[in-house]
Amino acid sequence: MMHLNRKCIKLVLFIILIPCIILVGLVELTRSKDTSNNIYAYAGKNMFATAVSEAIPRVYVPNSHDNTVSVIDPVSYRVINTFVTGKEPQHIVPSYDLHTLWVLNNSGNSLTPIDPRTAKPGSRISVKDPYNLYFTPDGKFAIVLGEARQQLNFYDASSMSLHDSTPADCKGVNHMDFTADGKFAIATCEFSGQLLKLDVNAHKIVAILTIHGMPQDIRLAPDGRIFYVADMKRNGVVLIDPLSFSETGFISTGIGTHGIYPSRDGKFFYVTNRGCTSVSHCPAHGPGNISVIDTASKKVVATWPIPSGGSPDMGNVSADGKELWVSGRYDSEVYVFDTATGKLIHRIPVGHGPHGLTVWPQPGRYSLGHTGNMR
């Protein structure tokens, strides 16, 4: 009888466990499929990491011509603080571990840390020519894009001590993004119209591509197959195949195409068009606007105007995906768009030359740099 009971028990356990195992497998397969089809899957709506749990919701705006940062309350849409930085702050970059926001003082050769828990700046550290800043996908190195010195400088991401430098044989290297597997990065060189392909592990440039334009921001498509490159001279987005390292297409957007930001579900790219193709002599209240690209069809599906003109530049999508925040580079203001309607809902006065603003906190497991390239 006991032998029979044991057999019954084993049979019951088998009947119960097998469906559970199958169910778990299906869940894992679905999760894997979702992630592989969307590299931004972990940066979805309000998907916050534990590391940002104590961060105060704020929007940080570097005013390049004033050497200051404006701090905006995203609830009241008002500037609640302004603090001094080093000379010519260009971008505000979340660290890989999400614990620090770095203000890149380009001409000042320094970084100013911001503690997101207090929204207060700390003591500056010395870093050469920090125009832009990125992090290797393993979190080991910070890559400072030295635009003036034509270098990619690799720093220890924890201590921010210089490890080594890679020459960038182009002019104006300033934006970067990584392939889905993290093995390569593509950097843009705006003044020579070129792209650099970097072997991330070897710290070595392995290819150079000339696209005859003025490449700016760069962002990998959700499926990881194509890079979108904002081209300010060609007034649109150049499509680049990372494997063949060749141009495969072009999407016309607007005058002075500059920044690219994914929606929280990865279905759309919000592209900023500054309304001017110059880097130094653009008038205020130009014909700037936002183009919305469907990442599946690779077509512009909407254009958001700025009443009375403007110069949308760099920014972020809000954590809930409902707002797009971008700086008005030549208008000393910040724009807030409703992503559901495309309407401009706020214009917030800030300092002179607002550039790479960051909305914080943002969803994601880690930061690859810039104003919040989250994965």
Protein backbone atom coordinates (compact mmCIF):
# COMPACT_ATOMS: atom_id res chain seq x y z
CA MET A 1 0.00 0.00 0.00
CA MET A 2 2.84 2.39 0.91
CA HIS A 3 4.57 1.57 -2.38
CA LEU A 4 1.35 2.41 -4.25
CA ASN A 5 0.98 5.70 -2.38
CA ARG A 6 4.48 6.72 -3.33
CA LYS A 7 3.69 6.06 -6.97
CA CYS A 8 0.53 8.14 -6.69
CA ILE A 9 2.41 10.98 -5.07
CA LYS A 10 5.05 10.95 -7.81
CA LEU A 11 2.34 10.94 -10.47
CA VAL A 12 0.55 13.88 -8.87
CA LEU A 13 3.79 15.85 -8.55
CA PHE A 14 4.61 15.10 -12.17
CA ILE A 15 1.19 16.31 -13.32
CA ILE A 16 1.54 19.53 -11.29
CA LEU A 17 5.18 20.34 -12.01
CA ILE A 18 5.30 19.79 -15.77
CA PRO A 19 2.75 22.54 -16.61
CA CYS A 20 4.56 24.87 -14.20
CA ILE A 21 7.89 24.22 -15.87
CA ILE A 22 6.35 24.79 -19.29
CA LEU A 23 4.72 28.02 -18.09
CA VAL A 24 8.00 29.35 -16.65
CA GLY A 25 9.74 28.50 -19.89
CA LEU A 26 7.15 30.35 -21.93
CA VAL A 27 7.42 33.40 -19.69
CA GLU A 28 11.20 33.43 -20.04
CA LEU A 29 10.93 32.96 -23.80
CA THR A 30 8.46 35.82 -24.09
CA ARG A 31 10.62 38.05 -21.91
CA SER A 32 13.68 37.23 -24.01
CA LYS A 33 11.76 37.89 -27.21
CA ASP A 34 10.46 41.24 -25.98
CA THR A 35 13.95 42.37 -24.95
CA SER A 36 15.60 41.25 -28.17
CA ASN A 37 13.03 43.14 -30.23
CA ASN A 38 13.41 46.30 -28.17
CA ILE A 39 16.75 47.26 -26.64
CA TYR A 40 14.88 49.92 -24.64
CA ALA A 41 12.59 47.33 -23.02
CA TYR A 42 14.08 47.95 -19.56
CA ALA A 43 13.64 51.71 -19.89
CA GLY A 44 9.88 51.57 -20.26
CA LYS A 45 7.29 53.69 -18.52
CA ASN A 46 8.27 54.28 -14.87
CA MET A 47 10.57 51.22 -14.80
CA PHE A 48 12.88 52.71 -12.18
CA ALA A 49 15.95 50.99 -10.79
CA THR A 50 16.49 50.81 -7.04
CA ALA A 51 19.46 53.17 -7.48
CA VAL A 52 17.14 56.12 -8.23
CA SER A 53 14.59 55.46 -5.51
CA GLU A 54 15.72 58.48 -3.47
CA ALA A 55 16.27 60.86 -6.41
CA ILE A 56 14.31 64.10 -6.31
CA PRO A 57 12.34 64.66 -9.56
CA ARG A 58 14.10 67.55 -11.27
CA VAL A 59 15.11 68.77 -14.72
CA TYR A 60 18.70 70.01 -15.00
CA VAL A 61 19.61 72.49 -17.74
CA PRO A 62 23.24 73.44 -18.51
CA ASN A 63 23.46 77.05 -19.69
CA SER A 64 26.64 77.02 -21.79
CA HIS A 65 27.00 80.80 -22.11
CA ASP A 66 26.31 81.55 -18.43
CA ASN A 67 28.39 78.77 -16.82
CA THR A 68 25.38 77.77 -14.76
CA VAL A 69 22.79 75.02 -14.38
CA SER A 70 19.10 75.81 -14.04
CA VAL A 71 17.13 73.37 -11.87
CA ILE A 72 13.46 72.99 -12.80
CA ASP A 73 10.65 71.48 -10.75
CA PRO A 74 8.78 69.27 -13.30
CA VAL A 75 5.54 69.62 -11.34
CA SER A 76 5.37 73.43 -11.18
CA TYR A 77 7.42 73.90 -14.39
CA ARG A 78 9.44 76.62 -12.66
CA VAL A 79 13.16 77.20 -12.15
CA ILE A 80 13.69 76.70 -8.43
CA ASN A 81 17.48 76.96 -8.29
CA THR A 82 20.48 78.05 -10.35
CA PHE A 83 24.07 77.14 -9.47
CA VAL A 84 27.47 77.98 -10.93
CA THR A 85 29.55 75.33 -12.71
CA GLY A 86 32.86 75.34 -14.57
CA LYS A 87 33.30 77.10 -17.90
CA GLU A 88 30.92 76.18 -20.75
CA PRO A 89 28.74 73.36 -19.40
CA GLN A 90 27.55 71.32 -22.39
CA HIS A 91 25.67 68.25 -21.22
CA ILE A 92 24.41 66.71 -17.98
CA VAL A 93 25.12 62.98 -18.00
CA PRO A 94 23.79 60.27 -15.65
CA SER A 95 26.56 57.97 -14.42
CA TYR A 96 26.46 54.30 -15.36
CA ASP A 97 25.36 53.32 -11.82
CA LEU A 98 22.73 56.11 -11.75
CA HIS A 99 24.05 57.59 -8.49
CA THR A 100 25.57 60.77 -9.94
CA LEU A 101 24.74 63.35 -12.61
CA TRP A 102 27.85 64.81 -14.25
CA VAL A 103 27.90 68.37 -15.58
CA LEU A 104 30.43 68.50 -18.42
CA ASN A 105 32.34 71.78 -18.20
CA ASN A 106 33.88 71.67 -21.67
CA SER A 107 36.19 74.71 -21.73
CA GLY A 108 36.72 74.43 -17.98
CA ASN A 109 38.24 70.94 -18.33
CA SER A 110 36.22 69.67 -15.40
CA LEU A 111 33.15 67.76 -14.27
CA THR A 112 30.71 68.99 -11.63
CA PRO A 113 28.88 66.15 -9.82
CA ILE A 114 25.23 66.54 -8.83
CA ASP A 115 23.74 64.39 -6.08
CA PRO A 116 20.23 63.47 -7.38
CA ARG A 117 19.04 62.89 -3.82
CA THR A 118 19.58 66.54 -2.91
CA ALA A 119 19.75 68.20 -6.36
CA LYS A 120 22.91 69.95 -5.14
CA PRO A 121 26.33 70.18 -6.85
CA GLY A 122 29.55 68.86 -5.39
CA SER A 123 33.23 69.69 -5.89
CA ARG A 124 34.58 69.72 -9.43
CA ILE A 125 37.08 67.15 -10.66
CA SER A 126 39.63 67.65 -13.41
CA VAL A 127 38.91 66.03 -16.80
CA LYS A 128 40.35 67.14 -20.14
CA ASP A 129 38.00 68.52 -22.82
CA PRO A 130 34.74 66.89 -21.66
CA TYR A 131 32.34 67.78 -24.46
CA ASN A 132 30.35 64.58 -24.06
CA LEU A 133 30.48 61.48 -21.88
CA TYR A 134 29.50 57.84 -22.39
CA PHE A 135 29.95 54.54 -20.53
CA THR A 136 30.93 51.14 -21.85
CA PRO A 137 28.02 48.65 -21.54
CA ASP A 138 29.87 46.66 -18.88
CA GLY A 139 30.19 49.81 -16.75
CA LYS A 140 33.96 49.56 -16.50
CA PHE A 141 34.97 52.68 -18.42
CA ALA A 142 33.72 56.21 -18.92
CA ILE A 143 34.49 57.50 -22.41
CA VAL A 144 35.04 61.25 -22.60
CA LEU A 145 34.61 62.56 -26.12
CA GLY A 146 37.28 65.24 -26.46
CA GLU A 147 35.95 67.23 -29.39
CA ALA A 148 38.70 69.87 -29.48
CA ARG A 149 41.58 67.45 -28.82
CA GLN A 150 40.20 64.81 -31.22
CA GLN A 151 40.41 62.04 -28.64
CA LEU A 152 38.36 59.33 -27.01
CA ASN A 153 39.62 59.28 -23.44
CA PHE A 154 38.90 56.18 -21.36
CA TYR A 155 38.50 56.79 -17.62
CA ASP A 156 37.86 54.34 -14.82
CA ALA A 157 34.09 54.75 -14.34
CA SER A 158 34.37 54.56 -10.53
CA SER A 159 37.40 56.72 -9.78
CA MET A 160 37.28 58.84 -12.96
CA SER A 161 41.05 58.43 -13.31
CA LEU A 162 42.46 58.38 -16.86
CA HIS A 163 43.22 54.87 -18.15
CA ASP A 164 44.15 55.43 -21.80
CA SER A 165 43.35 57.52 -24.89
CA THR A 166 42.38 56.67 -28.45
CA PRO A 167 43.02 59.18 -31.27
CA ALA A 168 39.89 60.21 -33.16
CA ASP A 169 41.09 60.91 -36.69
CA CYS A 170 38.22 63.24 -37.51
CA LYS A 171 36.99 66.71 -36.62
CA GLY A 172 34.33 67.36 -34.02
CA VAL A 173 33.77 63.95 -32.43
CA ASN A 174 30.88 64.50 -30.03
CA HIS A 175 28.11 61.85 -29.92
CA MET A 176 28.09 58.07 -29.62
CA ASP A 177 25.93 54.97 -29.22
CA PHE A 178 26.59 51.25 -28.84
CA THR A 179 25.57 48.15 -30.75
CA ALA A 180 23.08 45.84 -29.08
CA ASP A 181 25.80 43.36 -28.07
CA GLY A 182 28.02 46.15 -26.71
CA LYS A 183 31.01 45.10 -28.80
CA PHE A 184 31.15 48.21 -30.96
CA ALA A 185 30.26 51.89 -30.72
CA ILE A 186 29.61 54.40 -33.49
CA ALA A 187 30.76 57.99 -32.88
CA THR A 188 29.81 61.03 -34.96
CA CYS A 189 32.21 63.75 -36.15
CA GLU A 190 30.22 66.82 -37.08
CA PHE A 191 32.93 69.02 -38.63
CA SER A 192 34.35 66.40 -41.00
CA GLY A 193 31.08 64.64 -41.82
CA GLN A 194 32.36 61.24 -40.66
CA LEU A 195 31.47 58.33 -38.41
CA LEU A 196 33.95 56.26 -36.39
CA LYS A 197 33.47 52.58 -35.54
CA LEU A 198 35.08 51.74 -32.21
CA ASP A 199 36.02 48.28 -30.97
CA VAL A 200 34.88 48.79 -27.37
CA ASN A 201 37.06 46.12 -25.75
CA ALA A 202 40.22 46.96 -27.72
CA HIS A 203 39.75 50.76 -27.40
CA LYS A 204 40.56 50.97 -31.11
CA ILE A 205 38.97 52.68 -34.13
CA VAL A 206 38.43 49.93 -36.71
CA ALA A 207 36.64 51.84 -39.50
CA ILE A 208 35.81 55.36 -40.68
CA LEU A 209 32.80 56.25 -42.85
CA THR A 210 32.26 59.60 -44.59
CA ILE A 211 28.60 60.59 -45.03
CA HIS A 212 29.14 64.11 -46.42
CA GLY A 213 27.03 65.94 -43.89
CA MET A 214 27.14 67.23 -40.31
CA PRO A 215 26.29 64.24 -38.08
CA GLN A 216 25.09 65.00 -34.56
CA ASP A 217 23.21 62.73 -32.17
CA ILE A 218 23.08 59.00 -32.87
CA ARG A 219 20.68 56.36 -31.57
CA LEU A 220 20.30 52.63 -32.15
CA ALA A 221 16.91 51.43 -33.42
CA PRO A 222 14.87 49.36 -30.94
CA ASP A 223 15.52 46.16 -32.89
CA GLY A 224 19.28 46.84 -32.79
CA ARG A 225 19.71 46.58 -36.54
CA ILE A 226 20.11 50.19 -37.66
CA PHE A 227 21.66 53.36 -36.24
CA TYR A 228 19.75 56.62 -36.71
CA VAL A 229 22.14 59.56 -37.18
CA ALA A 230 20.83 63.13 -36.97
CA ASP A 231 22.44 65.17 -39.76
CA MET A 232 22.20 68.92 -39.25
CA LYS A 233 23.44 69.77 -42.75
CA ARG A 234 21.30 67.30 -44.67
CA ASN A 235 18.23 68.15 -42.57
CA GLY A 236 17.28 64.62 -41.72
CA VAL A 237 18.27 61.26 -40.33
CA VAL A 238 20.86 58.99 -41.97
CA LEU A 239 20.39 55.24 -41.50
CA ILE A 240 23.56 53.23 -40.90
CA ASP A 241 24.00 49.45 -40.94
CA PRO A 242 26.51 48.67 -38.15
CA LEU A 243 27.62 45.35 -39.68
CA SER A 244 28.51 46.61 -43.16
CA PHE A 245 29.14 50.10 -41.72
CA SER A 246 27.38 51.71 -44.67
CA GLU A 247 24.56 54.16 -45.29
CA THR A 248 21.33 52.33 -46.10
CA GLY A 249 18.73 55.09 -46.12
CA PHE A 250 17.73 58.65 -45.30
CA ILE A 251 14.66 60.20 -43.65
CA SER A 252 14.01 63.89 -44.28
CA THR A 253 12.83 65.65 -41.12
CA GLY A 254 13.44 69.40 -40.74
CA ILE A 255 16.03 72.17 -40.76
CA GLY A 256 19.05 71.53 -38.54
CA THR A 257 18.30 67.97 -37.38
CA HIS A 258 20.06 67.49 -34.07
CA GLY A 259 18.71 65.19 -31.29
CA ILE A 260 17.02 61.75 -31.22
CA TYR A 261 14.98 60.37 -28.29
CA PRO A 262 12.99 57.10 -28.07
CA SER A 263 9.47 56.94 -26.73
CA ARG A 264 9.10 54.79 -23.62
CA ASP A 265 7.77 51.85 -25.65
CA GLY A 266 10.42 52.29 -28.35
CA LYS A 267 7.81 52.67 -31.09
CA PHE A 268 8.78 56.23 -31.96
CA PHE A 269 11.84 58.43 -32.18
CA TYR A 270 11.36 62.11 -31.36
CA VAL A 271 13.77 64.08 -33.53
CA THR A 272 14.66 67.70 -32.78
CA ASN A 273 15.18 70.09 -35.69
CA ARG A 274 16.91 73.27 -34.49
CA GLY A 275 15.68 75.40 -37.39
CA CYS A 276 19.24 76.40 -38.35
CA THR A 277 22.21 74.57 -39.87
CA SER A 278 24.93 76.77 -38.33
CA VAL A 279 26.69 75.92 -35.07
CA SER A 280 27.25 79.52 -34.00
CA HIS A 281 25.12 82.07 -35.87
CA CYS A 282 21.49 81.03 -35.48
CA PRO A 283 18.79 83.62 -34.79
CA ALA A 284 16.23 83.30 -32.04
CA HIS A 285 12.69 82.17 -32.88
CA GLY A 286 13.77 80.15 -35.92
CA PRO A 287 11.65 77.52 -37.73
CA GLY A 288 12.55 74.72 -35.34
CA ASN A 289 10.20 71.77 -34.75
CA ILE A 290 9.96 68.12 -33.69
CA SER A 291 9.62 65.20 -36.12
CA VAL A 292 8.11 61.92 -34.93
CA ILE A 293 9.49 58.84 -36.70
CA ASP A 294 7.75 55.47 -36.55
CA THR A 295 10.65 53.07 -35.90
CA ALA A 296 8.87 50.17 -37.62
CA SER A 297 8.09 51.93 -40.91
CA LYS A 298 11.02 54.37 -40.70
CA LYS A 299 8.71 57.18 -41.74
CA VAL A 300 7.82 60.58 -40.26
CA VAL A 301 4.29 60.27 -38.90
CA ALA A 302 3.93 63.69 -37.26
CA THR A 303 5.55 67.12 -37.04
CA TRP A 304 5.19 69.26 -33.93
CA PRO A 305 5.57 73.00 -34.51
CA ILE A 306 6.70 75.62 -32.01
CA PRO A 307 4.37 78.64 -32.06
CA SER A 308 6.32 81.83 -32.82
CA GLY A 309 9.43 79.75 -33.57
CA GLY A 310 12.15 78.13 -31.52
CA SER A 311 15.36 76.10 -31.49
CA PRO A 312 14.80 72.62 -29.97
CA ASP A 313 18.11 70.94 -29.21
CA MET A 314 18.80 68.27 -26.55
CA GLY A 315 16.69 66.71 -23.83
CA ASN A 316 14.73 63.69 -22.56
CA VAL A 317 11.37 61.99 -22.49
CA SER A 318 9.72 62.07 -19.06
CA ALA A 319 9.67 58.87 -17.00
CA ASP A 320 5.98 58.27 -17.72
CA GLY A 321 6.47 58.98 -21.43
CA LYS A 322 3.88 61.74 -21.47
CA GLU A 323 6.25 64.68 -22.05
CA LEU A 324 9.24 65.52 -24.21
CA TRP A 325 11.58 68.07 -22.62
CA VAL A 326 14.14 69.83 -24.86
CA SER A 327 16.32 72.90 -24.55
CA GLY A 328 15.81 75.95 -26.78
CA ARG A 329 19.46 76.47 -27.71
CA TYR A 330 19.15 79.96 -29.20
CA ASP A 331 16.09 81.14 -27.28
CA SER A 332 17.16 80.79 -23.62
CA GLU A 333 14.22 78.57 -22.79
CA VAL A 334 13.08 74.99 -22.32
CA TYR A 335 10.19 73.44 -24.24
CA VAL A 336 7.80 70.81 -22.93
CA PHE A 337 5.69 68.90 -25.46
CA ASP A 338 2.69 66.67 -24.78
CA THR A 339 3.66 63.42 -26.56
CA ALA A 340 0.01 62.39 -26.98
CA THR A 341 -1.01 65.55 -28.85
CA GLY A 342 2.29 67.02 -30.03
CA LYS A 343 1.32 70.38 -28.54
CA LEU A 344 3.82 72.68 -26.85
CA ILE A 345 2.45 72.97 -23.31
CA HIS A 346 5.21 74.92 -21.55
CA ARG A 347 8.02 77.38 -22.36
CA ILE A 348 10.30 77.89 -19.38
CA PRO A 349 12.85 80.75 -19.35
CA VAL A 350 16.39 79.64 -18.39
CA GLY A 351 19.94 80.96 -18.89
CA HIS A 352 21.81 81.67 -22.13
CA GLY A 353 22.77 78.82 -24.44
CA PRO A 354 20.82 75.96 -22.83
CA HIS A 355 22.11 72.67 -24.21
CA GLY A 356 22.09 69.00 -23.04
CA LEU A 357 19.36 68.99 -20.38
CA THR A 358 18.50 65.91 -18.36
CA VAL A 359 15.18 64.87 -16.85
CA TRP A 360 15.80 62.84 -13.70
CA PRO A 361 15.11 60.20 -12.54
CA GLN A 362 14.68 58.12 -15.68
CA PRO A 363 13.72 54.46 -16.12
CA GLY A 364 16.43 51.92 -16.93
CA ARG A 365 18.96 49.54 -15.38
CA TYR A 366 22.02 51.63 -16.28
CA SER A 367 23.11 54.68 -18.27
CA LEU A 368 25.26 54.56 -21.38
CA GLY A 369 25.77 58.30 -21.14
CA HIS A 370 24.78 61.49 -22.96
CA THR A 371 21.62 63.04 -21.48
CA GLY A 372 20.30 59.61 -20.57
CA ASN A 373 20.81 56.81 -23.06
CA MET A 374 19.19 54.22 -20.84
CA ARG A 375 19.17 50.46 -21.28
